[in-house]
Amino acid sequence: MSIQDIVDKVAADHKLTKAEARSVVDTVLASIASGAKKGEVSLPGFGKFKVTSRPARTGRNPRTGETIKIAASKKLGFTAAKALRDSL
C-alpha cells in the first residue's frame, strides 16, 4: 500500500477531494515524525514509534575482512500493539 492508496481511501471515506485528503495524510505523518523526534508516539490499538540511539561500534568489511568503525546513529523503531498483531 502506498501513500496514494491511503489518500484515495481517506478521500473516499470522508468525501474529501484528493488534495484535501493528501493534506490530511501529510499532516498526520509529519505529526508522527515530529513526535518521534521528541520521544515516543503512541497510537493505541496500532503501535508505538520510538527513536533509539545506536552507539558507535566496530564492524568488518565482508569483502576484505578489514575492521571498520561504524558511527553512532539514530533509528526509528516501530512496535505493533497487541490488537494489531492479533489482527494479522
PDB file of N, CA and C in Angstrom:
ATOM      1  N   MET A   1       0.850  -1.174   0.000  1.00  0.00           N
ATOM      2  CA  MET A   1       0.000   0.000   0.000  1.00  0.00           C
ATOM      3  C   MET A   1       0.894   1.235   0.000  1.00  0.00           C
ATOM      4  N   SER A   2       0.575   2.168  -0.853  1.00  0.00           N
ATOM      5  CA  SER A   2       1.366   3.391  -0.955  1.00  0.00           C
ATOM      6  C   SER A   2       0.606   4.557  -0.323  1.00  0.00           C
ATOM      7  N   ILE A   3       1.281   5.691  -0.220  1.00  0.00           N
ATOM      8  CA  ILE A   3       0.630   6.886   0.316  1.00  0.00           C
ATOM      9  C   ILE A   3      -0.559   7.270  -0.556  1.00  0.00           C
ATOM     10  N   GLN A   4      -0.413   7.107  -1.856  1.00  0.00           N
ATOM     11  CA  GLN A   4      -1.524   7.454  -2.753  1.00  0.00           C
ATOM     12  C   GLN A   4      -2.742   6.577  -2.475  1.00  0.00           C
ATOM     13  N   ASP A   5      -2.526   5.305  -2.162  1.00  0.00           N
ATOM     14  CA  ASP A   5      -3.646   4.421  -1.808  1.00  0.00           C
ATOM     15  C   ASP A   5      -4.330   4.897  -0.534  1.00  0.00           C
ATOM     16  N   ILE A   6      -3.530   5.343   0.433  1.00  0.00           N
ATOM     17  CA  ILE A   6      -4.099   5.864   1.680  1.00  0.00           C
ATOM     18  C   ILE A   6      -4.878   7.141   1.407  1.00  0.00           C
ATOM     19  N   VAL A   7      -4.325   8.021   0.580  1.00  0.00           N
ATOM     20  CA  VAL A   7      -5.018   9.271   0.225  1.00  0.00           C
ATOM     21  C   VAL A   7      -6.346   8.955  -0.457  1.00  0.00           C
ATOM     22  N   ASP A   8      -6.348   8.037  -1.381  1.00  0.00           N
ATOM     23  CA  ASP A   8      -7.581   7.659  -2.075  1.00  0.00           C
ATOM     24  C   ASP A   8      -8.624   7.128  -1.100  1.00  0.00           C
ATOM     25  N   LYS A   9      -8.194   6.303  -0.145  1.00  0.00           N
ATOM     26  CA  LYS A   9      -9.113   5.729   0.843  1.00  0.00           C
ATOM     27  C   LYS A   9      -9.680   6.811   1.754  1.00  0.00           C
ATOM     28  N   VAL A  10      -8.840   7.724   2.237  1.00  0.00           N
ATOM     29  CA  VAL A  10      -9.307   8.815   3.099  1.00  0.00           C
ATOM     30  C   VAL A  10     -10.275   9.712   2.336  1.00  0.00           C
ATOM     31  N   ALA A  11      -9.948  10.024   1.091  1.00  0.00           N
ATOM     32  CA  ALA A  11     -10.824  10.880   0.272  1.00  0.00           C
ATOM     33  C   ALA A  11     -12.177  10.221   0.069  1.00  0.00           C
ATOM     34  N   ALA A  12     -12.199   8.934  -0.220  1.00  0.00           N
ATOM     35  CA  ALA A  12     -13.468   8.230  -0.451  1.00  0.00           C
ATOM     36  C   ALA A  12     -14.289   8.100   0.828  1.00  0.00           C
ATOM     37  N   ASP A  13     -13.635   7.758   1.931  1.00  0.00           N
ATOM     38  CA  ASP A  13     -14.358   7.531   3.189  1.00  0.00           C
ATOM     39  C   ASP A  13     -14.915   8.815   3.795  1.00  0.00           C
ATOM     40  N   HIS A  14     -14.255   9.941   3.569  1.00  0.00           N
ATOM     41  CA  HIS A  14     -14.664  11.191   4.218  1.00  0.00           C
ATOM     42  C   HIS A  14     -15.161  12.248   3.243  1.00  0.00           C
ATOM     43  N   LYS A  15     -15.395  11.832   2.009  1.00  0.00           N
ATOM     44  CA  LYS A  15     -15.926  12.735   0.972  1.00  0.00           C
ATOM     45  C   LYS A  15     -15.100  14.013   0.855  1.00  0.00           C
ATOM     46  N   LEU A  16     -13.778  13.810   0.717  1.00  0.00           N
ATOM     47  CA  LEU A  16     -12.852  14.918   0.538  1.00  0.00           C
ATOM     48  C   LEU A  16     -12.273  14.846  -0.867  1.00  0.00           C
ATOM     49  N   THR A  17     -11.744  15.985  -1.323  1.00  0.00           N
ATOM     50  CA  THR A  17     -11.007  15.938  -2.578  1.00  0.00           C
ATOM     51  C   THR A  17      -9.677  15.241  -2.303  1.00  0.00           C
ATOM     52  N   LYS A  18      -9.041  14.781  -3.343  1.00  0.00           N
ATOM     53  CA  LYS A  18      -7.750  14.111  -3.156  1.00  0.00           C
ATOM     54  C   LYS A  18      -6.709  15.076  -2.605  1.00  0.00           C
ATOM     55  N   ALA A  19      -6.786  16.345  -2.971  1.00  0.00           N
ATOM     56  CA  ALA A  19      -5.844  17.343  -2.453  1.00  0.00           C
ATOM     57  C   ALA A  19      -6.047  17.544  -0.952  1.00  0.00           C
ATOM     58  N   GLU A  20      -7.293  17.599  -0.523  1.00  0.00           N
ATOM     59  CA  GLU A  20      -7.581  17.748   0.910  1.00  0.00           C
ATOM     60  C   GLU A  20      -7.129  16.509   1.680  1.00  0.00           C
ATOM     61  N   ALA A  21      -7.403  15.348   1.126  1.00  0.00           N
ATOM     62  CA  ALA A  21      -7.012  14.102   1.777  1.00  0.00           C
ATOM     63  C   ALA A  21      -5.491  14.005   1.853  1.00  0.00           C
ATOM     64  N   ARG A  22      -4.790  14.413   0.794  1.00  0.00           N
ATOM     65  CA  ARG A  22      -3.327  14.388   0.796  1.00  0.00           C
ATOM     66  C   ARG A  22      -2.788  15.293   1.892  1.00  0.00           C
ATOM     67  N   SER A  23      -3.410  16.448   2.075  1.00  0.00           N
ATOM     68  CA  SER A  23      -3.001  17.373   3.122  1.00  0.00           C
ATOM     69  C   SER A  23      -3.183  16.744   4.502  1.00  0.00           C
ATOM     70  N   VAL A  24      -4.288  16.052   4.705  1.00  0.00           N
ATOM     71  CA  VAL A  24      -4.554  15.377   5.982  1.00  0.00           C
ATOM     72  C   VAL A  24      -3.513  14.290   6.242  1.00  0.00           C
ATOM     73  N   VAL A  25      -3.255  13.458   5.247  1.00  0.00           N
ATOM     74  CA  VAL A  25      -2.278  12.368   5.399  1.00  0.00           C
ATOM     75  C   VAL A  25      -0.886  12.937   5.660  1.00  0.00           C
ATOM     76  N   ASP A  26      -0.494  13.969   4.925  1.00  0.00           N
ATOM     77  CA  ASP A  26       0.819  14.584   5.134  1.00  0.00           C
ATOM     78  C   ASP A  26       0.941  15.170   6.543  1.00  0.00           C
ATOM     79  N   THR A  27      -0.137  15.791   7.039  1.00  0.00           N
ATOM     80  CA  THR A  27      -0.135  16.363   8.386  1.00  0.00           C
ATOM     81  C   THR A  27       0.016  15.275   9.443  1.00  0.00           C
ATOM     82  N   VAL A  28      -0.692  14.169   9.279  1.00  0.00           N
ATOM     83  CA  VAL A  28      -0.586  13.062  10.233  1.00  0.00           C
ATOM     84  C   VAL A  28       0.832  12.500  10.244  1.00  0.00           C
ATOM     85  N   LEU A  29       1.399  12.272   9.077  1.00  0.00           N
ATOM     86  CA  LEU A  29       2.756  11.720   9.001  1.00  0.00           C
ATOM     87  C   LEU A  29       3.792  12.698   9.569  1.00  0.00           C
ATOM     88  N   ALA A  30       3.619  13.982   9.311  1.00  0.00           N
ATOM     89  CA  ALA A  30       4.531  14.988   9.862  1.00  0.00           C
ATOM     90  C   ALA A  30       4.405  15.058  11.379  1.00  0.00           C
ATOM     91  N   SER A  31       3.204  14.901  11.892  1.00  0.00           N
ATOM     92  CA  SER A  31       2.994  14.904  13.340  1.00  0.00           C
ATOM     93  C   SER A  31       3.662  13.707  13.990  1.00  0.00           C
ATOM     94  N   ILE A  32       3.573  12.542  13.360  1.00  0.00           N
ATOM     95  CA  ILE A  32       4.238  11.346  13.881  1.00  0.00           C
ATOM     96  C   ILE A  32       5.751  11.553  13.878  1.00  0.00           C
ATOM     97  N   ALA A  33       6.288  12.106  12.795  1.00  0.00           N
ATOM     98  CA  ALA A  33       7.733  12.337  12.695  1.00  0.00           C
ATOM     99  C   ALA A  33       8.210  13.331  13.750  1.00  0.00           C
ATOM    100  N   SER A  34       7.498  14.433  13.926  1.00  0.00           N
ATOM    101  CA  SER A  34       7.935  15.426  14.913  1.00  0.00           C
ATOM    102  C   SER A  34       7.771  14.891  16.329  1.00  0.00           C
ATOM    103  N   GLY A  35       6.728  14.100  16.569  1.00  0.00           N
ATOM    104  CA  GLY A  35       6.559  13.488  17.884  1.00  0.00           C
ATOM    105  C   GLY A  35       7.658  12.487  18.183  1.00  0.00           C
ATOM    106  N   ALA A  36       8.067  11.731  17.193  1.00  0.00           N
ATOM    107  CA  ALA A  36       9.134  10.745  17.382  1.00  0.00           C
ATOM    108  C   ALA A  36      10.461  11.430  17.689  1.00  0.00           C
ATOM    109  N   LYS A  37      10.691  12.597  17.096  1.00  0.00           N
ATOM    110  CA  LYS A  37      11.924  13.338  17.381  1.00  0.00           C
ATOM    111  C   LYS A  37      11.982  13.752  18.841  1.00  0.00           C
ATOM    112  N   LYS A  38      10.819  14.012  19.432  1.00  0.00           N
ATOM    113  CA  LYS A  38      10.752  14.462  20.829  1.00  0.00           C
ATOM    114  C   LYS A  38      10.747  13.297  21.808  1.00  0.00           C
ATOM    115  N   GLY A  39      10.481  12.108  21.347  1.00  0.00           N
ATOM    116  CA  GLY A  39      10.445  10.973  22.261  1.00  0.00           C
ATOM    117  C   GLY A  39       9.740   9.785  21.648  1.00  0.00           C
ATOM    118  N   GLU A  40       8.495   9.620  21.997  1.00  0.00           N
ATOM    119  CA  GLU A  40       7.745   8.441  21.574  1.00  0.00           C
ATOM    120  C   GLU A  40       6.345   8.851  21.134  1.00  0.00           C
ATOM    121  N   VAL A  41       5.838   8.195  20.101  1.00  0.00           N
ATOM    122  CA  VAL A  41       4.477   8.419  19.629  1.00  0.00           C
ATOM    123  C   VAL A  41       3.715   7.120  19.844  1.00  0.00           C
ATOM    124  N   SER A  42       2.658   7.192  20.629  1.00  0.00           N
ATOM    125  CA  SER A  42       1.869   6.008  20.927  1.00  0.00           C
ATOM    126  C   SER A  42       0.487   6.157  20.302  1.00  0.00           C
ATOM    127  N   LEU A  43       0.120   5.190  19.480  1.00  0.00           N
ATOM    128  CA  LEU A  43      -1.198   5.165  18.850  1.00  0.00           C
ATOM    129  C   LEU A  43      -1.911   3.915  19.362  1.00  0.00           C
ATOM    130  N   PRO A  44      -2.762   4.061  20.378  1.00  0.00           N
ATOM    131  CA  PRO A  44      -3.415   2.892  20.975  1.00  0.00           C
ATOM    132  C   PRO A  44      -4.125   2.039  19.930  1.00  0.00           C
ATOM    133  N   GLY A  45      -3.916   0.743  20.028  1.00  0.00           N
ATOM    134  CA  GLY A  45      -4.515  -0.189  19.086  1.00  0.00           C
ATOM    135  C   GLY A  45      -3.711  -0.359  17.810  1.00  0.00           C
ATOM    136  N   PHE A  46      -2.719   0.511  17.590  1.00  0.00           N
ATOM    137  CA  PHE A  46      -1.888   0.419  16.389  1.00  0.00           C
ATOM    138  C   PHE A  46      -0.441   0.108  16.754  1.00  0.00           C
ATOM    139  N   GLY A  47       0.183   0.966  17.580  1.00  0.00           N
ATOM    140  CA  GLY A  47       1.550   0.705  17.993  1.00  0.00           C
ATOM    141  C   GLY A  47       2.271   1.949  18.451  1.00  0.00           C
ATOM    142  N   LYS A  48       3.588   1.801  18.648  1.00  0.00           N
ATOM    143  CA  LYS A  48       4.421   2.900  19.126  1.00  0.00           C
ATOM    144  C   LYS A  48       5.588   3.117  18.172  1.00  0.00           C
ATOM    145  N   PHE A  49       5.870   4.386  17.901  1.00  0.00           N
ATOM    146  CA  PHE A  49       7.050   4.793  17.159  1.00  0.00           C
ATOM    147  C   PHE A  49       8.012   5.395  18.167  1.00  0.00           C
ATOM    148  N   LYS A  50       9.271   4.974  18.123  1.00  0.00           N
ATOM    149  CA  LYS A  50      10.238   5.466  19.087  1.00  0.00           C
ATOM    150  C   LYS A  50      11.614   5.541  18.441  1.00  0.00           C
ATOM    151  N   VAL A  51      12.334   6.638  18.724  1.00  0.00           N
ATOM    152  CA  VAL A  51      13.689   6.799  18.222  1.00  0.00           C
ATOM    153  C   VAL A  51      14.640   6.203  19.249  1.00  0.00           C
ATOM    154  N   THR A  52      15.528   5.351  18.793  1.00  0.00           N
ATOM    155  CA  THR A  52      16.537   4.763  19.660  1.00  0.00           C
ATOM    156  C   THR A  52      17.918   5.131  19.134  1.00  0.00           C
ATOM    157  N   SER A  53      18.848   5.263  20.050  1.00  0.00           N
ATOM    158  CA  SER A  53      20.227   5.595  19.677  1.00  0.00           C
ATOM    159  C   SER A  53      21.030   4.315  19.539  1.00  0.00           C
ATOM    160  N   ARG A  54      21.833   4.260  18.500  1.00  0.00           N
ATOM    161  CA  ARG A  54      22.745   3.131  18.296  1.00  0.00           C
ATOM    162  C   ARG A  54      24.146   3.656  18.520  1.00  0.00           C
ATOM    163  N   PRO A  55      24.875   3.071  19.459  1.00  0.00           N
ATOM    164  CA  PRO A  55      26.218   3.577  19.746  1.00  0.00           C
ATOM    165  C   PRO A  55      27.201   3.259  18.626  1.00  0.00           C
ATOM    166  N   ALA A  56      28.298   3.983  18.632  1.00  0.00           N
ATOM    167  CA  ALA A  56      29.372   3.699  17.668  1.00  0.00           C
ATOM    168  C   ALA A  56      29.924   2.311  17.968  1.00  0.00           C
ATOM    169  N   ARG A  57      30.352   1.628  16.932  1.00  0.00           N
ATOM    170  CA  ARG A  57      30.843   0.264  17.121  1.00  0.00           C
ATOM    171  C   ARG A  57      31.827  -0.073  16.005  1.00  0.00           C
ATOM    172  N   THR A  58      32.488  -1.197  16.160  1.00  0.00           N
ATOM    173  CA  THR A  58      33.391  -1.651  15.108  1.00  0.00           C
ATOM    174  C   THR A  58      32.715  -2.782  14.349  1.00  0.00           C
ATOM    175  N   GLY A  59      33.034  -2.879  13.098  1.00  0.00           N
ATOM    176  CA  GLY A  59      32.473  -3.928  12.249  1.00  0.00           C
ATOM    177  C   GLY A  59      33.557  -4.435  11.309  1.00  0.00           C
ATOM    178  N   ARG A  60      33.165  -5.289  10.415  1.00  0.00           N
ATOM    179  CA  ARG A  60      34.110  -5.843   9.445  1.00  0.00           C
ATOM    180  C   ARG A  60      33.579  -5.657   8.038  1.00  0.00           C
ATOM    181  N   ASN A  61      34.494  -5.286   7.151  1.00  0.00           N
ATOM    182  CA  ASN A  61      34.165  -5.234   5.742  1.00  0.00           C
ATOM    183  C   ASN A  61      34.103  -6.687   5.270  1.00  0.00           C
ATOM    184  N   PRO A  62      32.928  -7.158   4.816  1.00  0.00           N
ATOM    185  CA  PRO A  62      32.813  -8.570   4.453  1.00  0.00           C
ATOM    186  C   PRO A  62      33.691  -8.971   3.271  1.00  0.00           C
ATOM    187  N   ARG A  63      34.024  -8.041   2.421  1.00  0.00           N
ATOM    188  CA  ARG A  63      34.838  -8.362   1.246  1.00  0.00           C
ATOM    189  C   ARG A  63      36.313  -8.538   1.610  1.00  0.00           C
ATOM    190  N   THR A  64      36.822  -7.598   2.444  1.00  0.00           N
ATOM    191  CA  THR A  64      38.260  -7.639   2.741  1.00  0.00           C
ATOM    192  C   THR A  64      38.581  -8.183   4.129  1.00  0.00           C
ATOM    193  N   GLY A  65      37.582  -8.199   5.013  1.00  0.00           N
ATOM    194  CA  GLY A  65      37.821  -8.639   6.380  1.00  0.00           C
ATOM    195  C   GLY A  65      38.430  -7.551   7.243  1.00  0.00           C
ATOM    196  N   GLU A  66      38.625  -6.365   6.678  1.00  0.00           N
ATOM    197  CA  GLU A  66      39.220  -5.244   7.393  1.00  0.00           C
ATOM    198  C   GLU A  66      38.251  -4.723   8.455  1.00  0.00           C
ATOM    199  N   THR A  67      38.780  -4.370   9.623  1.00  0.00           N
ATOM    200  CA  THR A  67      37.969  -3.787  10.694  1.00  0.00           C
ATOM    201  C   THR A  67      37.666  -2.329  10.343  1.00  0.00           C
ATOM    202  N   ILE A  68      36.400  -1.934  10.494  1.00  0.00           N
ATOM    203  CA  ILE A  68      35.998  -0.554  10.221  1.00  0.00           C
ATOM    204  C   ILE A  68      35.223  -0.013  11.415  1.00  0.00           C
ATOM    205  N   LYS A  69      35.182   1.308  11.525  1.00  0.00           N
ATOM    206  CA  LYS A  69      34.412   1.952  12.588  1.00  0.00           C
ATOM    207  C   LYS A  69      33.073   2.373  12.001  1.00  0.00           C
ATOM    208  N   ILE A  70      32.006   2.026  12.711  1.00  0.00           N
ATOM    209  CA  ILE A  70      30.655   2.409  12.308  1.00  0.00           C
ATOM    210  C   ILE A  70      30.217   3.514  13.257  1.00  0.00           C
ATOM    211  N   ALA A  71      29.816   4.652  12.710  1.00  0.00           N
ATOM    212  CA  ALA A  71      29.453   5.819  13.515  1.00  0.00           C
ATOM    213  C   ALA A  71      28.151   5.579  14.282  1.00  0.00           C
ATOM    214  N   ALA A  72      27.984   6.325  15.356  1.00  0.00           N
ATOM    215  CA  ALA A  72      26.743   6.284  16.118  1.00  0.00           C
ATOM    216  C   ALA A  72      25.619   6.822  15.239  1.00  0.00           C
ATOM    217  N   SER A  73      24.420   6.318  15.453  1.00  0.00           N
ATOM    218  CA  SER A  73      23.281   6.769  14.648  1.00  0.00           C
ATOM    219  C   SER A  73      22.002   6.652  15.460  1.00  0.00           C
ATOM    220  N   LYS A  74      20.938   7.178  14.890  1.00  0.00           N
ATOM    221  CA  LYS A  74      19.617   7.061  15.497  1.00  0.00           C
ATOM    222  C   LYS A  74      18.735   6.267  14.555  1.00  0.00           C
ATOM    223  N   LYS A  75      17.828   5.491  15.132  1.00  0.00           N
ATOM    224  CA  LYS A  75      16.964   4.616  14.355  1.00  0.00           C
ATOM    225  C   LYS A  75      15.530   4.796  14.821  1.00  0.00           C
ATOM    226  N   LEU A  76      14.608   4.862  13.881  1.00  0.00           N
ATOM    227  CA  LEU A  76      13.198   4.918  14.222  1.00  0.00           C
ATOM    228  C   LEU A  76      12.668   3.498  14.256  1.00  0.00           C
ATOM    229  N   GLY A  77      12.140   3.115  15.394  1.00  0.00           N
ATOM    230  CA  GLY A  77      11.600   1.773  15.537  1.00  0.00           C
ATOM    231  C   GLY A  77      10.094   1.812  15.686  1.00  0.00           C
ATOM    232  N   PHE A  78       9.467   0.725  15.336  1.00  0.00           N
ATOM    233  CA  PHE A  78       8.021   0.601  15.481  1.00  0.00           C
ATOM    234  C   PHE A  78       7.723  -0.706  16.185  1.00  0.00           C
ATOM    235  N   THR A  79       6.885  -0.632  17.207  1.00  0.00           N
ATOM    236  CA  THR A  79       6.424  -1.817  17.901  1.00  0.00           C
ATOM    237  C   THR A  79       4.917  -1.880  17.741  1.00  0.00           C
ATOM    238  N   ALA A  80       4.429  -2.939  17.137  1.00  0.00           N
ATOM    239  CA  ALA A  80       2.991  -3.080  16.894  1.00  0.00           C
ATOM    240  C   ALA A  80       2.269  -3.366  18.197  1.00  0.00           C
ATOM    241  N   ALA A  81       1.072  -2.805  18.340  1.00  0.00           N
ATOM    242  CA  ALA A  81       0.233  -3.060  19.502  1.00  0.00           C
ATOM    243  C   ALA A  81      -0.315  -4.482  19.422  1.00  0.00           C
ATOM    244  N   LYS A  82      -0.699  -5.007  20.573  1.00  0.00           N
ATOM    245  CA  LYS A  82      -1.213  -6.371  20.627  1.00  0.00           C
ATOM    246  C   LYS A  82      -2.444  -6.527  19.733  1.00  0.00           C
ATOM    247  N   ALA A  83      -3.312  -5.536  19.711  1.00  0.00           N
ATOM    248  CA  ALA A  83      -4.515  -5.624  18.877  1.00  0.00           C
ATOM    249  C   ALA A  83      -4.154  -5.749  17.393  1.00  0.00           C
ATOM    250  N   LEU A  84      -3.148  -5.014  16.952  1.00  0.00           N
ATOM    251  CA  LEU A  84      -2.716  -5.091  15.566  1.00  0.00           C
ATOM    252  C   LEU A  84      -2.064  -6.437  15.279  1.00  0.00           C
ATOM    253  N   ARG A  85      -1.210  -6.889  16.171  1.00  0.00           N
ATOM    254  CA  ARG A  85      -0.561  -8.209  15.982  1.00  0.00           C
ATOM    255  C   ARG A  85      -1.600  -9.318  15.916  1.00  0.00           C
ATOM    256  N   ASP A  86      -2.597  -9.261  16.780  1.00  0.00           N
ATOM    257  CA  ASP A  86      -3.639 -10.287  16.792  1.00  0.00           C
ATOM    258  C   ASP A  86      -4.474 -10.285  15.527  1.00  0.00           C
ATOM    259  N   SER A  87      -4.664  -9.082  14.940  1.00  0.00           N
ATOM    260  CA  SER A  87      -5.487  -8.992  13.725  1.00  0.00           C
ATOM    261  C   SER A  87      -4.751  -9.519  12.505  1.00  0.00           C
ATOM    262  N   LEU A  88      -3.424  -9.598  12.585  1.00  0.00           N
ATOM    263  CA  LEU A  88      -2.639 -10.096  11.465  1.00  0.00           C
ATOM    264  C   LEU A  88      -2.605 -11.608  11.508  1.00  0.00           C
TER     265      LEU A  88
END
